[in-house]
Amino acid sequence: MGNLVGAVWRKSTRSGANGDCVEVADNLPEVVGVRDSKDPTGLALVFGPTAWQAFVQQTKQH
């Protein structure tokens, strides 16, 4: 797990103008990537789709 070749990165529509954002790539079938928008060539976190969905659901509940 971890191949982000072909990832299409997007920022949240709620991102502010200050540039302190995360970007998510959820267009790949096996992985979801998360990275710092200020360092697009830096490291990215990689989640399985199920783990990412669980994280998003928990975030929405809090």
PDB file of N, CA and C in Angstrom:
ATOM      1  N   MET A   1       0.850  -1.177   0.000  1.00  0.00           N
ATOM      2  CA  MET A   1       0.000   0.000   0.000  1.00  0.00           C
ATOM      3  C   MET A   1       0.895   1.238   0.000  1.00  0.00           C
ATOM      4  N   GLY A   2       0.497   2.264  -0.714  1.00  0.00           N
ATOM      5  CA  GLY A   2       1.241   3.489  -0.664  1.00  0.00           C
ATOM      6  C   GLY A   2       1.565   4.097  -2.013  1.00  0.00           C
ATOM      7  N   ASN A   3       1.205   3.472  -3.108  1.00  0.00           N
ATOM      8  CA  ASN A   3       1.514   4.003  -4.421  1.00  0.00           C
ATOM      9  C   ASN A   3       0.523   5.107  -4.785  1.00  0.00           C
ATOM     10  N   LEU A   4       1.016   6.338  -4.867  1.00  0.00           N
ATOM     11  CA  LEU A   4       0.156   7.479  -5.174  1.00  0.00           C
ATOM     12  C   LEU A   4       0.345   7.982  -6.607  1.00  0.00           C
ATOM     13  N   VAL A   5       0.926   7.140  -7.473  1.00  0.00           N
ATOM     14  CA  VAL A   5       1.079   7.514  -8.877  1.00  0.00           C
ATOM     15  C   VAL A   5      -0.303   7.707  -9.485  1.00  0.00           C
ATOM     16  N   GLY A   6      -0.528   8.841 -10.099  1.00  0.00           N
ATOM     17  CA  GLY A   6      -1.821   9.149 -10.700  1.00  0.00           C
ATOM     18  C   GLY A   6      -2.789   9.843  -9.763  1.00  0.00           C
ATOM     19  N   ALA A   7      -2.314  10.174  -8.561  1.00  0.00           N
ATOM     20  CA  ALA A   7      -3.184  10.834  -7.588  1.00  0.00           C
ATOM     21  C   ALA A   7      -3.594  12.214  -8.085  1.00  0.00           C
ATOM     22  N   VAL A   8      -4.854  12.542  -7.886  1.00  0.00           N
ATOM     23  CA  VAL A   8      -5.371  13.878  -8.193  1.00  0.00           C
ATOM     24  C   VAL A   8      -5.688  14.525  -6.853  1.00  0.00           C
ATOM     25  N   TRP A   9      -4.934  15.564  -6.517  1.00  0.00           N
ATOM     26  CA  TRP A   9      -5.026  16.207  -5.214  1.00  0.00           C
ATOM     27  C   TRP A   9      -6.050  17.327  -5.232  1.00  0.00           C
ATOM     28  N   ARG A  10      -6.781  17.471  -4.120  1.00  0.00           N
ATOM     29  CA  ARG A  10      -7.765  18.553  -3.997  1.00  0.00           C
ATOM     30  C   ARG A  10      -7.744  19.079  -2.567  1.00  0.00           C
ATOM     31  N   LYS A  11      -8.065  20.368  -2.445  1.00  0.00           N
ATOM     32  CA  LYS A  11      -8.197  20.988  -1.133  1.00  0.00           C
ATOM     33  C   LYS A  11      -9.663  21.029  -0.748  1.00  0.00           C
ATOM     34  N   SER A  12      -9.918  21.095   0.521  1.00  0.00           N
ATOM     35  CA  SER A  12     -11.271  21.258   1.009  1.00  0.00           C
ATOM     36  C   SER A  12     -11.839  22.589   0.536  1.00  0.00           C
ATOM     37  N   THR A  13     -13.115  22.609   0.267  1.00  0.00           N
ATOM     38  CA  THR A  13     -13.774  23.865  -0.090  1.00  0.00           C
ATOM     39  C   THR A  13     -13.815  24.811   1.107  1.00  0.00           C
ATOM     40  N   ARG A  14     -13.545  24.307   2.297  1.00  0.00           N
ATOM     41  CA  ARG A  14     -13.524  25.132   3.506  1.00  0.00           C
ATOM     42  C   ARG A  14     -12.138  25.648   3.849  1.00  0.00           C
ATOM     43  N   SER A  15     -11.179  25.382   2.989  1.00  0.00           N
ATOM     44  CA  SER A  15      -9.821  25.861   3.221  1.00  0.00           C
ATOM     45  C   SER A  15      -9.793  27.375   3.184  1.00  0.00           C
ATOM     46  N   GLY A  16      -9.006  27.943   4.055  1.00  0.00           N
ATOM     47  CA  GLY A  16      -8.879  29.394   4.104  1.00  0.00           C
ATOM     48  C   GLY A  16      -7.866  29.899   3.099  1.00  0.00           C
ATOM     49  N   ALA A  17      -7.740  31.193   3.017  1.00  0.00           N
ATOM     50  CA  ALA A  17      -6.823  31.827   2.075  1.00  0.00           C
ATOM     51  C   ALA A  17      -5.384  31.839   2.571  1.00  0.00           C
ATOM     52  N   ASN A  18      -5.148  31.445   3.813  1.00  0.00           N
ATOM     53  CA  ASN A  18      -3.798  31.525   4.379  1.00  0.00           C
ATOM     54  C   ASN A  18      -2.877  30.395   3.921  1.00  0.00           C
ATOM     55  N   GLY A  19      -3.400  29.401   3.245  1.00  0.00           N
ATOM     56  CA  GLY A  19      -2.577  28.325   2.708  1.00  0.00           C
ATOM     57  C   GLY A  19      -2.285  27.194   3.661  1.00  0.00           C
ATOM     58  N   ASP A  20      -2.798  27.249   4.879  1.00  0.00           N
ATOM     59  CA  ASP A  20      -2.591  26.164   5.834  1.00  0.00           C
ATOM     60  C   ASP A  20      -3.662  25.098   5.626  1.00  0.00           C
ATOM     61  N   CYS A  21      -3.440  24.258   4.654  1.00  0.00           N
ATOM     62  CA  CYS A  21      -4.466  23.289   4.271  1.00  0.00           C
ATOM     63  C   CYS A  21      -3.858  21.901   4.105  1.00  0.00           C
ATOM     64  N   VAL A  22      -4.712  20.931   4.136  1.00  0.00           N
ATOM     65  CA  VAL A  22      -4.324  19.600   3.711  1.00  0.00           C
ATOM     66  C   VAL A  22      -4.989  19.344   2.365  1.00  0.00           C
ATOM     67  N   GLU A  23      -4.381  18.470   1.604  1.00  0.00           N
ATOM     68  CA  GLU A  23      -4.948  18.045   0.340  1.00  0.00           C
ATOM     69  C   GLU A  23      -5.195  16.546   0.421  1.00  0.00           C
ATOM     70  N   VAL A  24      -6.229  16.102  -0.263  1.00  0.00           N
ATOM     71  CA  VAL A  24      -6.614  14.696  -0.270  1.00  0.00           C
ATOM     72  C   VAL A  24      -6.658  14.208  -1.711  1.00  0.00           C
ATOM     73  N   ALA A  25      -6.161  13.020  -1.922  1.00  0.00           N
ATOM     74  CA  ALA A  25      -6.275  12.354  -3.222  1.00  0.00           C
ATOM     75  C   ALA A  25      -7.087  11.085  -2.993  1.00  0.00           C
ATOM     76  N   ASP A  26      -8.329  11.104  -3.439  1.00  0.00           N
ATOM     77  CA  ASP A  26      -9.198   9.934  -3.226  1.00  0.00           C
ATOM     78  C   ASP A  26      -9.687   9.347  -4.543  1.00  0.00           C
ATOM     79  N   ASN A  27      -8.930   9.562  -5.606  1.00  0.00           N
ATOM     80  CA  ASN A  27      -9.320   9.042  -6.914  1.00  0.00           C
ATOM     81  C   ASN A  27      -8.739   7.665  -7.222  1.00  0.00           C
ATOM     82  N   LEU A  28      -7.901   7.149  -6.356  1.00  0.00           N
ATOM     83  CA  LEU A  28      -7.277   5.846  -6.592  1.00  0.00           C
ATOM     84  C   LEU A  28      -8.073   4.737  -5.896  1.00  0.00           C
ATOM     85  N   PRO A  29      -8.160   3.563  -6.495  1.00  0.00           N
ATOM     86  CA  PRO A  29      -9.032   2.523  -5.933  1.00  0.00           C
ATOM     87  C   PRO A  29      -8.566   1.909  -4.619  1.00  0.00           C
ATOM     88  N   GLU A  30      -7.272   1.865  -4.364  1.00  0.00           N
ATOM     89  CA  GLU A  30      -6.760   1.143  -3.195  1.00  0.00           C
ATOM     90  C   GLU A  30      -6.263   2.021  -2.067  1.00  0.00           C
ATOM     91  N   VAL A  31      -6.037   3.310  -2.337  1.00  0.00           N
ATOM     92  CA  VAL A  31      -5.436   4.178  -1.328  1.00  0.00           C
ATOM     93  C   VAL A  31      -6.058   5.568  -1.357  1.00  0.00           C
ATOM     94  N   VAL A  32      -5.952   6.256  -0.219  1.00  0.00           N
ATOM     95  CA  VAL A  32      -6.310   7.667  -0.112  1.00  0.00           C
ATOM     96  C   VAL A  32      -5.078   8.362   0.447  1.00  0.00           C
ATOM     97  N   GLY A  33      -4.618   9.380  -0.247  1.00  0.00           N
ATOM     98  CA  GLY A  33      -3.445  10.121   0.190  1.00  0.00           C
ATOM     99  C   GLY A  33      -3.843  11.430   0.851  1.00  0.00           C
ATOM    100  N   VAL A  34      -3.058  11.845   1.828  1.00  0.00           N
ATOM    101  CA  VAL A  34      -3.273  13.123   2.516  1.00  0.00           C
ATOM    102  C   VAL A  34      -1.910  13.787   2.645  1.00  0.00           C
ATOM    103  N   ARG A  35      -1.831  15.066   2.240  1.00  0.00           N
ATOM    104  CA  ARG A  35      -0.551  15.771   2.313  1.00  0.00           C
ATOM    105  C   ARG A  35      -0.762  17.228   2.710  1.00  0.00           C
ATOM    106  N   ASP A  36       0.329  17.871   3.093  1.00  0.00           N
ATOM    107  CA  ASP A  36       0.346  19.287   3.436  1.00  0.00           C
ATOM    108  C   ASP A  36       0.406  20.086   2.143  1.00  0.00           C
ATOM    109  N   SER A  37      -0.529  20.990   1.929  1.00  0.00           N
ATOM    110  CA  SER A  37      -0.567  21.753   0.685  1.00  0.00           C
ATOM    111  C   SER A  37       0.644  22.669   0.526  1.00  0.00           C
ATOM    112  N   LYS A  38       1.288  23.037   1.629  1.00  0.00           N
ATOM    113  CA  LYS A  38       2.473  23.891   1.556  1.00  0.00           C
ATOM    114  C   LYS A  38       3.711  23.116   1.101  1.00  0.00           C
ATOM    115  N   ASP A  39       3.658  21.798   1.118  1.00  0.00           N
ATOM    116  CA  ASP A  39       4.805  20.959   0.757  1.00  0.00           C
ATOM    117  C   ASP A  39       4.341  19.819  -0.151  1.00  0.00           C
ATOM    118  N   PRO A  40       3.891  20.135  -1.357  1.00  0.00           N
ATOM    119  CA  PRO A  40       3.315  19.107  -2.223  1.00  0.00           C
ATOM    120  C   PRO A  40       4.296  18.028  -2.675  1.00  0.00           C
ATOM    121  N   THR A  41       5.588  18.280  -2.575  1.00  0.00           N
ATOM    122  CA  THR A  41       6.549  17.244  -2.940  1.00  0.00           C
ATOM    123  C   THR A  41       7.061  16.485  -1.720  1.00  0.00           C
ATOM    124  N   GLY A  42       6.552  16.839  -0.545  1.00  0.00           N
ATOM    125  CA  GLY A  42       6.957  16.171   0.686  1.00  0.00           C
ATOM    126  C   GLY A  42       6.229  14.852   0.882  1.00  0.00           C
ATOM    127  N   LEU A  43       6.336  14.333   2.061  1.00  0.00           N
ATOM    128  CA  LEU A  43       5.704  13.058   2.393  1.00  0.00           C
ATOM    129  C   LEU A  43       4.192  13.185   2.450  1.00  0.00           C
ATOM    130  N   ALA A  44       3.520  12.081   2.190  1.00  0.00           N
ATOM    131  CA  ALA A  44       2.062  12.018   2.281  1.00  0.00           C
ATOM    132  C   ALA A  44       1.680  10.844   3.177  1.00  0.00           C
ATOM    133  N   LEU A  45       0.608  11.017   3.896  1.00  0.00           N
ATOM    134  CA  LEU A  45       0.038   9.901   4.649  1.00  0.00           C
ATOM    135  C   LEU A  45      -0.819   9.088   3.689  1.00  0.00           C
ATOM    136  N   VAL A  46      -0.856   7.790   3.893  1.00  0.00           N
ATOM    137  CA  VAL A  46      -1.630   6.912   3.020  1.00  0.00           C
ATOM    138  C   VAL A  46      -2.560   6.069   3.875  1.00  0.00           C
ATOM    139  N   PHE A  47      -3.825   6.076   3.508  1.00  0.00           N
ATOM    140  CA  PHE A  47      -4.859   5.313   4.215  1.00  0.00           C
ATOM    141  C   PHE A  47      -5.530   4.360   3.248  1.00  0.00           C
ATOM    142  N   GLY A  48      -6.052   3.278   3.774  1.00  0.00           N
ATOM    143  CA  GLY A  48      -6.948   2.448   2.998  1.00  0.00           C
ATOM    144  C   GLY A  48      -8.298   3.156   2.931  1.00  0.00           C
ATOM    145  N   PRO A  49      -9.084   2.890   1.906  1.00  0.00           N
ATOM    146  CA  PRO A  49     -10.379   3.568   1.773  1.00  0.00           C
ATOM    147  C   PRO A  49     -11.296   3.398   2.984  1.00  0.00           C
ATOM    148  N   THR A  50     -11.322   2.231   3.583  1.00  0.00           N
ATOM    149  CA  THR A  50     -12.187   2.001   4.738  1.00  0.00           C
ATOM    150  C   THR A  50     -11.730   2.824   5.940  1.00  0.00           C
ATOM    151  N   ALA A  51     -10.433   2.865   6.177  1.00  0.00           N
ATOM    152  CA  ALA A  51      -9.903   3.656   7.290  1.00  0.00           C
ATOM    153  C   ALA A  51     -10.178   5.142   7.069  1.00  0.00           C
ATOM    154  N   TRP A  52     -10.042   5.621   5.838  1.00  0.00           N
ATOM    155  CA  TRP A  52     -10.304   7.026   5.536  1.00  0.00           C
ATOM    156  C   TRP A  52     -11.775   7.354   5.766  1.00  0.00           C
ATOM    157  N   GLN A  53     -12.668   6.509   5.308  1.00  0.00           N
ATOM    158  CA  GLN A  53     -14.105   6.740   5.515  1.00  0.00           C
ATOM    159  C   GLN A  53     -14.435   6.794   6.996  1.00  0.00           C
ATOM    160  N   ALA A  54     -13.838   5.916   7.795  1.00  0.00           N
ATOM    161  CA  ALA A  54     -14.074   5.919   9.243  1.00  0.00           C
ATOM    162  C   ALA A  54     -13.569   7.216   9.864  1.00  0.00           C
ATOM    163  N   PHE A  55     -12.405   7.687   9.444  1.00  0.00           N
ATOM    164  CA  PHE A  55     -11.858   8.941   9.948  1.00  0.00           C
ATOM    165  C   PHE A  55     -12.783  10.110   9.617  1.00  0.00           C
ATOM    166  N   VAL A  56     -13.238  10.190   8.388  1.00  0.00           N
ATOM    167  CA  VAL A  56     -14.121  11.283   7.969  1.00  0.00           C
ATOM    168  C   VAL A  56     -15.430  11.240   8.766  1.00  0.00           C
ATOM    169  N   GLN A  57     -15.999  10.074   8.961  1.00  0.00           N
ATOM    170  CA  GLN A  57     -17.242   9.958   9.723  1.00  0.00           C
ATOM    171  C   GLN A  57     -17.048  10.414  11.166  1.00  0.00           C
ATOM    172  N   GLN A  58     -15.949  10.002  11.782  1.00  0.00           N
ATOM    173  CA  GLN A  58     -15.679  10.427  13.157  1.00  0.00           C
ATOM    174  C   GLN A  58     -15.477  11.931  13.251  1.00  0.00           C
ATOM    175  N   THR A  59     -14.819  12.500  12.268  1.00  0.00           N
ATOM    176  CA  THR A  59     -14.591  13.943  12.247  1.00  0.00           C
ATOM    177  C   THR A  59     -15.903  14.702  12.140  1.00  0.00           C
ATOM    178  N   LYS A  60     -16.798  14.216  11.330  1.00  0.00           N
ATOM    179  CA  LYS A  60     -18.098  14.884  11.153  1.00  0.00           C
ATOM    180  C   LYS A  60     -18.931  14.829  12.418  1.00  0.00           C
ATOM    181  N   GLN A  61     -18.731  13.826  13.254  1.00  0.00           N
ATOM    182  CA  GLN A  61     -19.512  13.671  14.472  1.00  0.00           C
ATOM    183  C   GLN A  61     -19.017  14.563  15.603  1.00  0.00           C
ATOM    184  N   HIS A  62     -17.842  15.149  15.463  1.00  0.00           N
ATOM    185  CA  HIS A  62     -17.265  15.965  16.554  1.00  0.00           C
ATOM    186  C   HIS A  62     -17.175  17.388  16.207  1.00  0.00           C
TER     187      HIS A  62
END
